[in-house]
């Protein structure tokens, strides 16, 4: 059996979501043994702004992106990937249009004069 923890994201308030994101950032920063000052400096933000982010306070999305980039965590955006879905009917219709073999050219009326 797997011990997966499922979080009901819909039931969480915006504040709770921001706190969860902040905890995620702080956890990964500490795993990488980086100080707030180091990460803030590399992300071109103030240390107090990083502290606000880690404590679940509102920050702009550009700040979040900069911090995620510095911590090499941009892979979290894989969840936003949009895959093109082709319906089975469209696949069948496309398959019918494809030629299965080469054929001879049909002889039609020629433009030669009968003179």
N, C-alpha and C. Protein backbone atom coordinates (compact mmCIF):
# COMPACT_ATOMS: atom_id res chain seq x y z
N UNK A 1 0.83 -1.18 0.00
CA UNK A 1 0.00 0.00 0.00
C UNK A 1 0.88 1.24 0.00
N UNK A 2 0.47 2.23 -0.75
CA UNK A 2 1.20 3.50 -0.79
C UNK A 2 0.65 4.44 0.27
N UNK A 3 1.53 5.22 0.84
CA UNK A 3 1.11 6.18 1.86
C UNK A 3 1.08 7.58 1.24
N UNK A 4 0.12 7.79 0.35
CA UNK A 4 -0.02 9.09 -0.30
C UNK A 4 -0.93 9.98 0.53
N UNK A 5 -0.59 11.24 0.61
CA UNK A 5 -1.41 12.20 1.32
C UNK A 5 -2.16 13.03 0.28
N UNK A 6 -3.46 12.95 0.32
CA UNK A 6 -4.26 13.72 -0.62
C UNK A 6 -4.80 14.96 0.09
N UNK A 7 -4.57 16.10 -0.51
CA UNK A 7 -5.00 17.36 0.08
C UNK A 7 -6.20 17.86 -0.71
N UNK A 8 -7.22 18.27 -0.02
CA UNK A 8 -8.39 18.84 -0.67
C UNK A 8 -8.12 20.32 -0.91
N UNK A 9 -7.52 20.62 -2.05
CA UNK A 9 -7.13 22.00 -2.37
C UNK A 9 -8.34 22.92 -2.42
N UNK A 10 -9.48 22.41 -2.87
CA UNK A 10 -10.68 23.23 -3.00
C UNK A 10 -11.20 23.70 -1.64
N UNK A 11 -11.00 22.90 -0.62
CA UNK A 11 -11.50 23.24 0.71
C UNK A 11 -10.62 24.25 1.42
N UNK A 12 -9.41 24.47 0.92
CA UNK A 12 -8.47 25.38 1.58
C UNK A 12 -8.77 26.82 1.22
N UNK A 13 -8.62 27.70 2.20
CA UNK A 13 -8.78 29.13 1.94
C UNK A 13 -7.56 29.64 1.18
N UNK A 14 -7.67 30.83 0.61
CA UNK A 14 -6.53 31.43 -0.09
C UNK A 14 -5.34 31.60 0.86
N UNK A 15 -5.63 31.99 2.09
CA UNK A 15 -4.57 32.17 3.09
C UNK A 15 -3.87 30.83 3.37
N UNK A 16 -4.65 29.76 3.50
CA UNK A 16 -4.07 28.44 3.76
C UNK A 16 -3.23 27.97 2.58
N UNK A 17 -3.70 28.25 1.37
CA UNK A 17 -2.92 27.89 0.17
C UNK A 17 -1.60 28.66 0.14
N UNK A 18 -1.65 29.95 0.45
CA UNK A 18 -0.44 30.77 0.47
C UNK A 18 0.54 30.26 1.52
N UNK A 19 0.02 29.84 2.67
CA UNK A 19 0.87 29.30 3.72
C UNK A 19 1.51 27.98 3.28
N UNK A 20 0.75 27.17 2.58
CA UNK A 20 1.27 25.90 2.07
C UNK A 20 2.40 26.14 1.06
N UNK A 21 2.21 27.10 0.18
CA UNK A 21 3.25 27.45 -0.80
C UNK A 21 4.48 27.97 -0.07
N UNK A 22 4.26 28.82 0.92
CA UNK A 22 5.38 29.35 1.72
C UNK A 22 6.16 28.26 2.41
N UNK A 23 5.45 27.29 2.97
CA UNK A 23 6.11 26.16 3.64
C UNK A 23 6.92 25.34 2.64
N UNK A 24 6.38 25.18 1.45
CA UNK A 24 7.07 24.45 0.38
C UNK A 24 8.38 25.15 0.02
N UNK A 25 8.31 26.47 -0.15
CA UNK A 25 9.51 27.25 -0.48
C UNK A 25 10.54 27.14 0.64
N UNK A 26 10.10 27.34 1.86
CA UNK A 26 11.02 27.29 3.00
C UNK A 26 11.66 25.91 3.14
N UNK A 27 10.86 24.87 3.00
CA UNK A 27 11.35 23.50 3.11
C UNK A 27 12.48 23.25 2.10
N UNK A 28 12.24 23.63 0.85
CA UNK A 28 13.24 23.38 -0.19
C UNK A 28 14.46 24.30 -0.05
N UNK A 29 14.25 25.49 0.45
CA UNK A 29 15.40 26.38 0.69
C UNK A 29 16.30 25.78 1.76
N UNK A 30 15.70 25.27 2.82
CA UNK A 30 16.49 24.67 3.90
C UNK A 30 17.15 23.36 3.45
N UNK A 31 16.46 22.58 2.61
CA UNK A 31 17.07 21.35 2.07
C UNK A 31 18.33 21.67 1.28
N UNK A 32 18.31 22.81 0.61
CA UNK A 32 19.47 23.22 -0.20
C UNK A 32 20.49 23.99 0.64
N UNK A 33 20.21 24.11 1.94
CA UNK A 33 21.11 24.78 2.87
C UNK A 33 21.43 26.21 2.43
N UNK A 34 20.39 26.93 2.04
CA UNK A 34 20.55 28.32 1.61
C UNK A 34 19.85 29.22 2.61
N UNK A 35 20.47 30.34 2.92
CA UNK A 35 19.85 31.31 3.83
C UNK A 35 18.84 32.15 3.07
N UNK A 36 17.98 32.81 3.81
CA UNK A 36 17.02 33.71 3.18
C UNK A 36 17.76 34.80 2.41
N UNK A 37 18.83 35.30 3.00
CA UNK A 37 19.60 36.37 2.34
C UNK A 37 20.19 35.91 1.02
N UNK A 38 20.71 34.68 0.98
CA UNK A 38 21.30 34.15 -0.26
C UNK A 38 20.25 34.03 -1.36
N UNK A 39 19.12 33.44 -1.02
CA UNK A 39 18.06 33.24 -2.01
C UNK A 39 17.49 34.58 -2.46
N UNK A 40 17.25 35.47 -1.51
CA UNK A 40 16.69 36.79 -1.84
C UNK A 40 17.63 37.56 -2.75
N UNK A 41 18.91 37.53 -2.44
CA UNK A 41 19.88 38.24 -3.27
C UNK A 41 19.93 37.67 -4.67
N UNK A 42 19.95 36.34 -4.78
CA UNK A 42 20.00 35.70 -6.10
C UNK A 42 18.72 35.96 -6.89
N UNK A 43 17.59 36.10 -6.20
CA UNK A 43 16.30 36.34 -6.87
C UNK A 43 16.03 37.83 -7.09
N UNK A 44 16.96 38.67 -6.65
CA UNK A 44 16.81 40.13 -6.77
C UNK A 44 15.57 40.66 -6.05
N UNK A 45 15.33 40.12 -4.87
CA UNK A 45 14.25 40.60 -4.02
C UNK A 45 14.85 40.86 -2.63
N UNK A 46 14.09 41.52 -1.78
CA UNK A 46 14.59 41.76 -0.42
C UNK A 46 14.37 40.52 0.43
N UNK A 47 15.15 40.42 1.49
CA UNK A 47 15.01 39.29 2.39
C UNK A 47 13.64 39.32 3.06
N UNK A 48 13.14 40.52 3.34
CA UNK A 48 11.82 40.62 3.98
C UNK A 48 10.71 40.13 3.04
N UNK A 49 10.87 40.34 1.74
CA UNK A 49 9.88 39.84 0.78
C UNK A 49 9.88 38.32 0.76
N UNK A 50 11.07 37.72 0.80
CA UNK A 50 11.16 36.26 0.86
C UNK A 50 10.54 35.75 2.15
N UNK A 51 10.76 36.45 3.24
CA UNK A 51 10.17 36.07 4.53
C UNK A 51 8.64 36.13 4.45
N UNK A 52 8.13 37.17 3.80
CA UNK A 52 6.67 37.26 3.62
C UNK A 52 6.15 36.07 2.83
N UNK A 53 6.84 35.71 1.75
CA UNK A 53 6.44 34.57 0.93
C UNK A 53 6.42 33.29 1.76
N UNK A 54 7.48 33.06 2.52
CA UNK A 54 7.58 31.85 3.32
C UNK A 54 6.54 31.79 4.44
N UNK A 55 6.06 32.94 4.87
CA UNK A 55 5.05 32.99 5.94
C UNK A 55 3.63 33.03 5.40
N UNK A 56 3.48 32.89 4.09
CA UNK A 56 2.15 32.83 3.51
C UNK A 56 1.48 34.17 3.30
N UNK A 57 2.27 35.23 3.31
CA UNK A 57 1.72 36.56 3.07
C UNK A 57 1.64 36.80 1.56
N UNK A 58 0.78 37.71 1.12
CA UNK A 58 0.64 37.97 -0.32
C UNK A 58 1.91 38.57 -0.93
N UNK A 59 2.36 37.99 -2.01
CA UNK A 59 3.45 38.53 -2.82
C UNK A 59 3.01 38.38 -4.27
N UNK A 60 3.67 39.11 -5.16
CA UNK A 60 3.24 38.99 -6.55
C UNK A 60 3.83 37.73 -7.19
N UNK A 61 3.24 37.34 -8.28
CA UNK A 61 3.62 36.09 -8.94
C UNK A 61 5.05 36.15 -9.47
N UNK A 62 5.52 37.32 -9.87
CA UNK A 62 6.90 37.45 -10.36
C UNK A 62 7.89 37.08 -9.27
N UNK A 63 7.59 37.46 -8.03
CA UNK A 63 8.45 37.12 -6.90
C UNK A 63 8.49 35.60 -6.71
N UNK A 64 7.32 34.98 -6.76
CA UNK A 64 7.25 33.53 -6.62
C UNK A 64 8.07 32.84 -7.72
N UNK A 65 7.92 33.32 -8.95
CA UNK A 65 8.67 32.73 -10.07
C UNK A 65 10.17 32.87 -9.88
N UNK A 66 10.61 34.03 -9.44
CA UNK A 66 12.05 34.26 -9.23
C UNK A 66 12.60 33.31 -8.17
N UNK A 67 11.87 33.13 -7.10
CA UNK A 67 12.33 32.26 -6.02
C UNK A 67 12.34 30.80 -6.48
N UNK A 68 11.28 30.38 -7.16
CA UNK A 68 11.23 29.01 -7.67
C UNK A 68 12.39 28.75 -8.64
N UNK A 69 12.72 29.73 -9.46
CA UNK A 69 13.83 29.58 -10.40
C UNK A 69 15.16 29.41 -9.67
N UNK A 70 15.39 30.23 -8.64
CA UNK A 70 16.64 30.16 -7.87
C UNK A 70 16.76 28.82 -7.16
N UNK A 71 15.65 28.28 -6.69
CA UNK A 71 15.67 27.01 -5.97
C UNK A 71 15.53 25.81 -6.91
N UNK A 72 15.56 26.06 -8.21
CA UNK A 72 15.41 24.99 -9.23
C UNK A 72 14.13 24.18 -9.01
N UNK A 73 13.04 24.89 -8.80
CA UNK A 73 11.76 24.25 -8.55
C UNK A 73 10.71 24.57 -9.62
N UNK A 74 11.14 25.03 -10.77
CA UNK A 74 10.17 25.38 -11.81
C UNK A 74 9.41 24.17 -12.34
N UNK A 75 9.88 22.98 -12.00
CA UNK A 75 9.18 21.76 -12.43
C UNK A 75 7.77 21.68 -11.86
N UNK A 76 7.46 22.46 -10.83
CA UNK A 76 6.11 22.43 -10.27
C UNK A 76 5.08 22.90 -11.31
N UNK A 77 5.55 23.59 -12.32
CA UNK A 77 4.64 24.07 -13.35
C UNK A 77 4.28 23.00 -14.36
N UNK A 78 4.82 21.79 -14.20
CA UNK A 78 4.40 20.68 -15.05
C UNK A 78 2.91 20.43 -14.90
N UNK A 79 2.37 20.76 -13.76
CA UNK A 79 0.93 20.57 -13.53
C UNK A 79 0.09 21.47 -14.43
N UNK A 80 0.69 22.52 -14.98
CA UNK A 80 -0.04 23.45 -15.84
C UNK A 80 0.05 23.09 -17.31
N UNK A 81 0.73 21.99 -17.62
CA UNK A 81 0.90 21.58 -19.02
C UNK A 81 -0.45 21.19 -19.62
N UNK A 82 -0.72 21.69 -20.82
CA UNK A 82 -1.97 21.38 -21.51
C UNK A 82 -1.65 20.43 -22.65
N UNK A 83 -2.26 19.26 -22.61
CA UNK A 83 -2.04 18.29 -23.67
C UNK A 83 -3.19 18.37 -24.66
N UNK A 84 -2.83 18.27 -25.92
CA UNK A 84 -3.84 18.27 -26.96
C UNK A 84 -4.52 16.91 -26.96
N UNK A 85 -5.84 16.92 -26.85
CA UNK A 85 -6.60 15.69 -26.81
C UNK A 85 -7.33 15.53 -28.14
N UNK A 86 -7.11 14.40 -28.78
CA UNK A 86 -7.78 14.12 -30.05
C UNK A 86 -8.82 13.04 -29.79
N UNK A 87 -10.03 13.31 -30.23
CA UNK A 87 -11.10 12.35 -29.99
C UNK A 87 -10.90 11.12 -30.88
N UNK A 88 -11.38 9.97 -30.45
CA UNK A 88 -11.26 8.76 -31.27
C UNK A 88 -11.94 8.91 -32.63
N UNK A 89 -13.03 9.66 -32.69
CA UNK A 89 -13.72 9.86 -33.97
C UNK A 89 -12.84 10.66 -34.94
N UNK A 90 -12.13 11.66 -34.43
CA UNK A 90 -11.25 12.44 -35.28
C UNK A 90 -10.10 11.58 -35.82
N UNK A 91 -9.62 10.66 -35.01
CA UNK A 91 -8.55 9.76 -35.45
C UNK A 91 -9.04 8.86 -36.57
N UNK A 92 -10.25 8.34 -36.43
CA UNK A 92 -10.82 7.46 -37.47
C UNK A 92 -11.03 8.24 -38.76
N UNK A 93 -11.56 9.46 -38.65
CA UNK A 93 -11.79 10.28 -39.85
C UNK A 93 -10.47 10.58 -40.56
N UNK A 94 -9.44 10.88 -39.79
CA UNK A 94 -8.12 11.17 -40.35
C UNK A 94 -7.56 9.93 -41.04
N UNK A 95 -7.76 8.78 -40.45
CA UNK A 95 -7.25 7.53 -41.03
C UNK A 95 -7.93 7.22 -42.36
N UNK A 96 -9.21 7.55 -42.49
CA UNK A 96 -9.93 7.29 -43.74
C UNK A 96 -9.40 8.15 -44.88
N UNK A 97 -8.85 9.31 -44.56
CA UNK A 97 -8.35 10.22 -45.59
C UNK A 97 -6.97 9.83 -46.09
N UNK A 98 -6.27 9.00 -45.36
CA UNK A 98 -4.92 8.61 -45.76
C UNK A 98 -4.98 7.56 -46.86
N UNK A 99 -4.09 7.71 -47.85
CA UNK A 99 -4.01 6.73 -48.94
C UNK A 99 -3.34 5.47 -48.43
N UNK A 100 -3.84 4.34 -48.86
CA UNK A 100 -3.27 3.07 -48.44
C UNK A 100 -2.30 2.52 -49.48
N UNK A 101 -2.50 2.86 -50.74
CA UNK A 101 -1.60 2.38 -51.79
C UNK A 101 -1.59 3.36 -52.94
N UNK A 102 -0.58 3.23 -53.74
CA UNK A 102 -0.47 4.08 -54.93
C UNK A 102 -1.34 3.48 -56.03
N UNK A 103 -1.88 4.32 -56.85
CA UNK A 103 -2.72 3.84 -57.95
C UNK A 103 -2.22 4.39 -59.28
N UNK A 104 -2.75 3.82 -60.33
CA UNK A 104 -2.39 4.30 -61.66
C UNK A 104 -3.13 5.59 -61.94
N UNK A 105 -2.48 6.37 -62.77
CA UNK A 105 -3.17 7.60 -63.17
C UNK A 105 -4.24 7.26 -64.19
N UNK A 106 -5.36 7.85 -63.99
CA UNK A 106 -6.47 7.62 -64.91
C UNK A 106 -6.21 8.38 -66.19
N UNK A 107 -6.51 7.70 -67.29
CA UNK A 107 -6.37 8.37 -68.59
C UNK A 107 -7.63 9.16 -68.84
N UNK A 108 -7.45 10.41 -69.01
CA UNK A 108 -8.59 11.28 -69.26
C UNK A 108 -8.48 11.86 -70.66
N UNK A 109 -9.36 12.76 -70.98
CA UNK A 109 -9.28 13.38 -72.31
C UNK A 109 -7.97 14.15 -72.44
N UNK A 110 -7.36 13.98 -73.60
CA UNK A 110 -6.10 14.68 -73.88
C UNK A 110 -6.39 15.98 -74.55
N UNK A 111 -5.47 16.85 -74.49
CA UNK A 111 -5.62 18.16 -75.12
C UNK A 111 -5.05 18.17 -76.54
N UNK A 112 -4.81 16.99 -77.06
CA UNK A 112 -4.26 16.95 -78.42
C UNK A 112 -5.38 17.22 -79.41
N UNK A 113 -5.02 17.90 -80.44
CA UNK A 113 -6.01 18.18 -81.47
C UNK A 113 -6.16 16.99 -82.39
N UNK A 114 -7.32 16.84 -82.96
CA UNK A 114 -7.60 15.69 -83.82
C UNK A 114 -7.16 15.94 -85.27
N UNK A 115 -6.42 16.86 -85.53
CA UNK A 115 -5.99 17.13 -86.90
C UNK A 115 -5.14 16.09 -87.39
